[in-house]
């Protein structure tokens, strides 16, 4: 799947390709270094996340970052 993090305005912060095997014990989660796609540390606040599967299904939610 592809995980995307966006600001509340819809700007893309980071895109993560999650390609772990379902047999991997860590396949149900991924990590994010809090560094945006421009190499800068993100700030505290609310963000949207989307997870898109290869067949086009999308899930969406909110994420709070407190630093």
PDB file of N, CA and C in Angstrom:
ATOM      1  N   UNK A   1       0.841  -1.174   0.000  1.00  0.00           N
ATOM      2  CA  UNK A   1       0.000   0.000   0.000  1.00  0.00           C
ATOM      3  C   UNK A   1       0.890   1.243   0.000  1.00  0.00           C
ATOM      4  N   UNK A   2       0.265   2.382  -0.198  1.00  0.00           N
ATOM      5  CA  UNK A   2       0.961   3.662  -0.156  1.00  0.00           C
ATOM      6  C   UNK A   2       0.338   4.510   0.941  1.00  0.00           C
ATOM      7  N   UNK A   3       1.178   5.006   1.839  1.00  0.00           N
ATOM      8  CA  UNK A   3       0.741   5.856   2.944  1.00  0.00           C
ATOM      9  C   UNK A   3       1.144   7.282   2.606  1.00  0.00           C
ATOM     10  N   UNK A   4       0.189   8.204   2.711  1.00  0.00           N
ATOM     11  CA  UNK A   4       0.487   9.610   2.445  1.00  0.00           C
ATOM     12  C   UNK A   4       0.071  10.451   3.646  1.00  0.00           C
ATOM     13  N   UNK A   5       0.925  11.400   4.025  1.00  0.00           N
ATOM     14  CA  UNK A   5       0.627  12.334   5.102  1.00  0.00           C
ATOM     15  C   UNK A   5       0.467  13.716   4.501  1.00  0.00           C
ATOM     16  N   UNK A   6      -0.609  14.405   4.905  1.00  0.00           N
ATOM     17  CA  UNK A   6      -0.937  15.718   4.358  1.00  0.00           C
ATOM     18  C   UNK A   6      -1.186  16.719   5.484  1.00  0.00           C
ATOM     19  N   UNK A   7      -0.955  17.992   5.208  1.00  0.00           N
ATOM     20  CA  UNK A   7      -1.375  19.040   6.126  1.00  0.00           C
ATOM     21  C   UNK A   7      -2.883  19.165   6.034  1.00  0.00           C
ATOM     22  N   UNK A   8      -3.473  19.948   6.931  1.00  0.00           N
ATOM     23  CA  UNK A   8      -4.918  20.169   6.878  1.00  0.00           C
ATOM     24  C   UNK A   8      -5.324  20.898   5.601  1.00  0.00           C
ATOM     25  N   UNK A   9      -4.391  21.626   4.991  1.00  0.00           N
ATOM     26  CA  UNK A   9      -4.650  22.311   3.720  1.00  0.00           C
ATOM     27  C   UNK A   9      -4.550  21.370   2.524  1.00  0.00           C
ATOM     28  N   UNK A  10      -4.090  20.140   2.762  1.00  0.00           N
ATOM     29  CA  UNK A  10      -3.983  19.171   1.685  1.00  0.00           C
ATOM     30  C   UNK A  10      -2.606  19.055   1.063  1.00  0.00           C
ATOM     31  N   UNK A  11      -1.622  19.800   1.574  1.00  0.00           N
ATOM     32  CA  UNK A  11      -0.261  19.718   1.038  1.00  0.00           C
ATOM     33  C   UNK A  11       0.378  18.394   1.460  1.00  0.00           C
ATOM     34  N   UNK A  12       1.016  17.713   0.518  1.00  0.00           N
ATOM     35  CA  UNK A  12       1.659  16.432   0.790  1.00  0.00           C
ATOM     36  C   UNK A  12       2.911  16.652   1.633  1.00  0.00           C
ATOM     37  N   UNK A  13       2.980  15.973   2.766  1.00  0.00           N
ATOM     38  CA  UNK A  13       4.145  16.038   3.643  1.00  0.00           C
ATOM     39  C   UNK A  13       5.123  14.915   3.319  1.00  0.00           C
ATOM     40  N   UNK A  14       4.592  13.707   3.200  1.00  0.00           N
ATOM     41  CA  UNK A  14       5.456  12.551   2.978  1.00  0.00           C
ATOM     42  C   UNK A  14       4.645  11.427   2.345  1.00  0.00           C
ATOM     43  N   UNK A  15       5.293  10.646   1.508  1.00  0.00           N
ATOM     44  CA  UNK A  15       4.689   9.454   0.915  1.00  0.00           C
ATOM     45  C   UNK A  15       5.564   8.265   1.262  1.00  0.00           C
ATOM     46  N   UNK A  16       4.956   7.239   1.817  1.00  0.00           N
ATOM     47  CA  UNK A  16       5.685   6.055   2.253  1.00  0.00           C
ATOM     48  C   UNK A  16       5.106   4.843   1.511  1.00  0.00           C
ATOM     49  N   UNK A  17       5.960   4.108   0.814  1.00  0.00           N
ATOM     50  CA  UNK A  17       5.529   2.879   0.158  1.00  0.00           C
ATOM     51  C   UNK A  17       5.739   1.745   1.160  1.00  0.00           C
ATOM     52  N   UNK A  18       4.635   1.145   1.564  1.00  0.00           N
ATOM     53  CA  UNK A  18       4.659   0.062   2.557  1.00  0.00           C
ATOM     54  C   UNK A  18       4.587  -1.255   1.795  1.00  0.00           C
ATOM     55  N   UNK A  19       5.730  -1.923   1.663  1.00  0.00           N
ATOM     56  CA  UNK A  19       5.784  -3.139   0.846  1.00  0.00           C
ATOM     57  C   UNK A  19       6.273  -4.355   1.629  1.00  0.00           C
ATOM     58  N   UNK A  20       5.904  -4.408   2.908  1.00  0.00           N
ATOM     59  CA  UNK A  20       6.328  -5.541   3.730  1.00  0.00           C
ATOM     60  C   UNK A  20       5.455  -6.758   3.449  1.00  0.00           C
ATOM     61  N   UNK A  21       6.052  -7.910   3.540  1.00  0.00           N
ATOM     62  CA  UNK A  21       5.332  -9.167   3.338  1.00  0.00           C
ATOM     63  C   UNK A  21       4.317  -9.365   4.464  1.00  0.00           C
ATOM     64  N   UNK A  22       3.136  -9.902   4.163  1.00  0.00           N
ATOM     65  CA  UNK A  22       2.147 -10.175   5.217  1.00  0.00           C
ATOM     66  C   UNK A  22       2.664 -11.135   6.291  1.00  0.00           C
ATOM     67  N   UNK A  23       3.685 -11.915   5.978  1.00  0.00           N
ATOM     68  CA  UNK A  23       4.270 -12.849   6.948  1.00  0.00           C
ATOM     69  C   UNK A  23       5.216 -12.157   7.931  1.00  0.00           C
ATOM     70  N   UNK A  24       5.627 -10.923   7.626  1.00  0.00           N
ATOM     71  CA  UNK A  24       6.526 -10.158   8.492  1.00  0.00           C
ATOM     72  C   UNK A  24       5.754  -9.723   9.743  1.00  0.00           C
ATOM     73  N   UNK A  25       6.311  -9.940  10.949  1.00  0.00           N
ATOM     74  CA  UNK A  25       5.605  -9.535  12.175  1.00  0.00           C
ATOM     75  C   UNK A  25       5.341  -8.025  12.258  1.00  0.00           C
ATOM     76  N   UNK A  26       6.091  -7.223  11.518  1.00  0.00           N
ATOM     77  CA  UNK A  26       5.900  -5.764  11.545  1.00  0.00           C
ATOM     78  C   UNK A  26       5.077  -5.266  10.361  1.00  0.00           C
ATOM     79  N   UNK A  27       4.370  -6.166   9.684  1.00  0.00           N
ATOM     80  CA  UNK A  27       3.661  -5.780   8.457  1.00  0.00           C
ATOM     81  C   UNK A  27       2.440  -4.910   8.709  1.00  0.00           C
ATOM     82  N   UNK A  28       1.979  -4.809   9.946  1.00  0.00           N
ATOM     83  CA  UNK A  28       0.770  -4.047  10.239  1.00  0.00           C
ATOM     84  C   UNK A  28       1.057  -2.603  10.648  1.00  0.00           C
ATOM     85  N   UNK A  29       2.306  -2.184  10.598  1.00  0.00           N
ATOM     86  CA  UNK A  29       2.633  -0.797  10.919  1.00  0.00           C
ATOM     87  C   UNK A  29       3.883  -0.359  10.160  1.00  0.00           C
ATOM     88  N   UNK A  30       4.108   0.942  10.169  1.00  0.00           N
ATOM     89  CA  UNK A  30       5.292   1.501   9.533  1.00  0.00           C
ATOM     90  C   UNK A  30       5.752   2.673  10.380  1.00  0.00           C
ATOM     91  N   UNK A  31       6.922   3.207  10.099  1.00  0.00           N
ATOM     92  CA  UNK A  31       7.458   4.314  10.878  1.00  0.00           C
ATOM     93  C   UNK A  31       7.620   5.547  10.001  1.00  0.00           C
ATOM     94  N   UNK A  32       7.695   6.691  10.663  1.00  0.00           N
ATOM     95  CA  UNK A  32       7.863   7.971   9.984  1.00  0.00           C
ATOM     96  C   UNK A  32       8.817   8.806  10.831  1.00  0.00           C
ATOM     97  N   UNK A  33       9.867   9.329  10.244  1.00  0.00           N
ATOM     98  CA  UNK A  33      10.916  10.032  10.976  1.00  0.00           C
ATOM     99  C   UNK A  33      10.574  11.478  11.327  1.00  0.00           C
ATOM    100  N   UNK A  34       9.362  11.924  11.004  1.00  0.00           N
ATOM    101  CA  UNK A  34       8.908  13.304  11.218  1.00  0.00           C
ATOM    102  C   UNK A  34       9.655  14.310  10.339  1.00  0.00           C
ATOM    103  N   UNK A  35      10.319  13.801   9.318  1.00  0.00           N
ATOM    104  CA  UNK A  35      10.993  14.653   8.333  1.00  0.00           C
ATOM    105  C   UNK A  35      10.114  14.693   7.090  1.00  0.00           C
ATOM    106  N   UNK A  36       9.813  15.902   6.596  1.00  0.00           N
ATOM    107  CA  UNK A  36       8.943  16.015   5.422  1.00  0.00           C
ATOM    108  C   UNK A  36       9.707  15.694   4.144  1.00  0.00           C
ATOM    109  N   UNK A  37       9.038  15.751   3.026  1.00  0.00           N
ATOM    110  CA  UNK A  37       9.678  15.378   1.755  1.00  0.00           C
ATOM    111  C   UNK A  37      10.729  16.383   1.309  1.00  0.00           C
ATOM    112  N   UNK A  38      10.795  17.558   1.971  1.00  0.00           N
ATOM    113  CA  UNK A  38      11.821  18.555   1.674  1.00  0.00           C
ATOM    114  C   UNK A  38      13.002  18.471   2.630  1.00  0.00           C
ATOM    115  N   UNK A  39      13.000  17.455   3.517  1.00  0.00           N
ATOM    116  CA  UNK A  39      14.113  17.252   4.432  1.00  0.00           C
ATOM    117  C   UNK A  39      14.043  18.071   5.708  1.00  0.00           C
ATOM    118  N   UNK A  40      12.892  18.673   5.997  1.00  0.00           N
ATOM    119  CA  UNK A  40      12.756  19.495   7.198  1.00  0.00           C
ATOM    120  C   UNK A  40      11.853  18.809   8.220  1.00  0.00           C
ATOM    121  N   UNK A  41      12.102  19.077   9.496  1.00  0.00           N
ATOM    122  CA  UNK A  41      11.292  18.529  10.577  1.00  0.00           C
ATOM    123  C   UNK A  41       9.900  19.142  10.531  1.00  0.00           C
ATOM    124  N   UNK A  42       8.863  18.310  10.642  1.00  0.00           N
ATOM    125  CA  UNK A  42       7.503  18.846  10.651  1.00  0.00           C
ATOM    126  C   UNK A  42       7.224  19.507  11.997  1.00  0.00           C
ATOM    127  N   UNK A  43       6.171  20.306  12.075  1.00  0.00           N
ATOM    128  CA  UNK A  43       5.827  21.013  13.298  1.00  0.00           C
ATOM    129  C   UNK A  43       4.655  20.314  13.977  1.00  0.00           C
ATOM    130  N   UNK A  44       4.458  20.622  15.256  1.00  0.00           N
ATOM    131  CA  UNK A  44       3.316  20.085  15.991  1.00  0.00           C
ATOM    132  C   UNK A  44       2.024  20.534  15.321  1.00  0.00           C
ATOM    133  N   UNK A  45       1.037  19.672  15.314  1.00  0.00           N
ATOM    134  CA  UNK A  45      -0.245  20.036  14.732  1.00  0.00           C
ATOM    135  C   UNK A  45      -1.017  18.818  14.277  1.00  0.00           C
ATOM    136  N   UNK A  46      -2.105  19.077  13.576  1.00  0.00           N
ATOM    137  CA  UNK A  46      -2.948  18.018  13.037  1.00  0.00           C
ATOM    138  C   UNK A  46      -2.598  17.758  11.582  1.00  0.00           C
ATOM    139  N   UNK A  47      -2.637  16.494  11.211  1.00  0.00           N
ATOM    140  CA  UNK A  47      -2.341  16.070   9.855  1.00  0.00           C
ATOM    141  C   UNK A  47      -3.360  15.025   9.433  1.00  0.00           C
ATOM    142  N   UNK A  48      -3.569  14.888   8.142  1.00  0.00           N
ATOM    143  CA  UNK A  48      -4.382  13.812   7.583  1.00  0.00           C
ATOM    144  C   UNK A  48      -3.463  12.722   7.070  1.00  0.00           C
ATOM    145  N   UNK A  49      -3.906  11.486   7.179  1.00  0.00           N
ATOM    146  CA  UNK A  49      -3.198  10.371   6.558  1.00  0.00           C
ATOM    147  C   UNK A  49      -4.161   9.627   5.653  1.00  0.00           C
ATOM    148  N   UNK A  50      -3.625   9.086   4.587  1.00  0.00           N
ATOM    149  CA  UNK A  50      -4.398   8.204   3.717  1.00  0.00           C
ATOM    150  C   UNK A  50      -3.574   6.959   3.460  1.00  0.00           C
ATOM    151  N   UNK A  51      -4.266   5.839   3.357  1.00  0.00           N
ATOM    152  CA  UNK A  51      -3.637   4.569   3.001  1.00  0.00           C
ATOM    153  C   UNK A  51      -4.376   4.049   1.781  1.00  0.00           C
ATOM    154  N   UNK A  52      -3.646   3.883   0.688  1.00  0.00           N
ATOM    155  CA  UNK A  52      -4.245   3.404  -0.559  1.00  0.00           C
ATOM    156  C   UNK A  52      -3.685   2.034  -0.900  1.00  0.00           C
ATOM    157  N   UNK A  53      -4.574   1.070  -1.076  1.00  0.00           N
ATOM    158  CA  UNK A  53      -4.157  -0.288  -1.419  1.00  0.00           C
ATOM    159  C   UNK A  53      -3.919  -0.385  -2.929  1.00  0.00           C
ATOM    160  N   UNK A  54      -3.230  -1.422  -3.375  1.00  0.00           N
ATOM    161  CA  UNK A  54      -2.975  -1.571  -4.811  1.00  0.00           C
ATOM    162  C   UNK A  54      -4.244  -1.640  -5.663  1.00  0.00           C
ATOM    163  N   UNK A  55      -5.360  -2.083  -5.065  1.00  0.00           N
ATOM    164  CA  UNK A  55      -6.600  -2.158  -5.835  1.00  0.00           C
ATOM    165  C   UNK A  55      -7.410  -0.862  -5.786  1.00  0.00           C
ATOM    166  N   UNK A  56      -6.833   0.200  -5.198  1.00  0.00           N
ATOM    167  CA  UNK A  56      -7.476   1.515  -5.226  1.00  0.00           C
ATOM    168  C   UNK A  56      -8.332   1.866  -4.021  1.00  0.00           C
ATOM    169  N   UNK A  57      -8.480   0.947  -3.058  1.00  0.00           N
ATOM    170  CA  UNK A  57      -9.253   1.272  -1.858  1.00  0.00           C
ATOM    171  C   UNK A  57      -8.461   2.249  -1.000  1.00  0.00           C
ATOM    172  N   UNK A  58      -9.159   3.232  -0.408  1.00  0.00           N
ATOM    173  CA  UNK A  58      -8.500   4.271   0.376  1.00  0.00           C
ATOM    174  C   UNK A  58      -9.137   4.373   1.753  1.00  0.00           C
ATOM    175  N   UNK A  59      -8.302   4.459   2.777  1.00  0.00           N
ATOM    176  CA  UNK A  59      -8.750   4.766   4.127  1.00  0.00           C
ATOM    177  C   UNK A  59      -8.106   6.077   4.509  1.00  0.00           C
ATOM    178  N   UNK A  60      -8.806   6.862   5.351  1.00  0.00           N
ATOM    179  CA  UNK A  60      -8.322   8.191   5.698  1.00  0.00           C
ATOM    180  C   UNK A  60      -8.533   8.427   7.187  1.00  0.00           C
ATOM    181  N   UNK A  61      -7.652   9.202   7.791  1.00  0.00           N
ATOM    182  CA  UNK A  61      -7.786   9.521   9.202  1.00  0.00           C
ATOM    183  C   UNK A  61      -6.988  10.758   9.555  1.00  0.00           C
ATOM    184  N   UNK A  62      -7.010  11.099  10.834  1.00  0.00           N
ATOM    185  CA  UNK A  62      -6.270  12.268  11.338  1.00  0.00           C
ATOM    186  C   UNK A  62      -5.180  11.802  12.281  1.00  0.00           C
ATOM    187  N   UNK A  63      -4.118  12.600  12.351  1.00  0.00           N
ATOM    188  CA  UNK A  63      -2.970  12.301  13.184  1.00  0.00           C
ATOM    189  C   UNK A  63      -2.551  13.574  13.891  1.00  0.00           C
ATOM    190  N   UNK A  64      -2.367  13.504  15.207  1.00  0.00           N
ATOM    191  CA  UNK A  64      -1.865  14.661  15.966  1.00  0.00           C
ATOM    192  C   UNK A  64      -0.397  14.446  16.264  1.00  0.00           C
ATOM    193  N   UNK A  65       0.423  15.451  15.979  1.00  0.00           N
ATOM    194  CA  UNK A  65       1.851  15.409  16.287  1.00  0.00           C
ATOM    195  C   UNK A  65       2.105  16.442  17.379  1.00  0.00           C
ATOM    196  N   UNK A  66       2.638  15.976  18.508  1.00  0.00           N
ATOM    197  CA  UNK A  66       2.954  16.856  19.628  1.00  0.00           C
ATOM    198  C   UNK A  66       4.441  16.705  19.921  1.00  0.00           C
ATOM    199  N   UNK A  67       5.167  17.809  19.863  1.00  0.00           N
ATOM    200  CA  UNK A  67       6.617  17.748  20.069  1.00  0.00           C
ATOM    201  C   UNK A  67       7.017  18.624  21.221  1.00  0.00           C
TER     202      UNK A  67
END
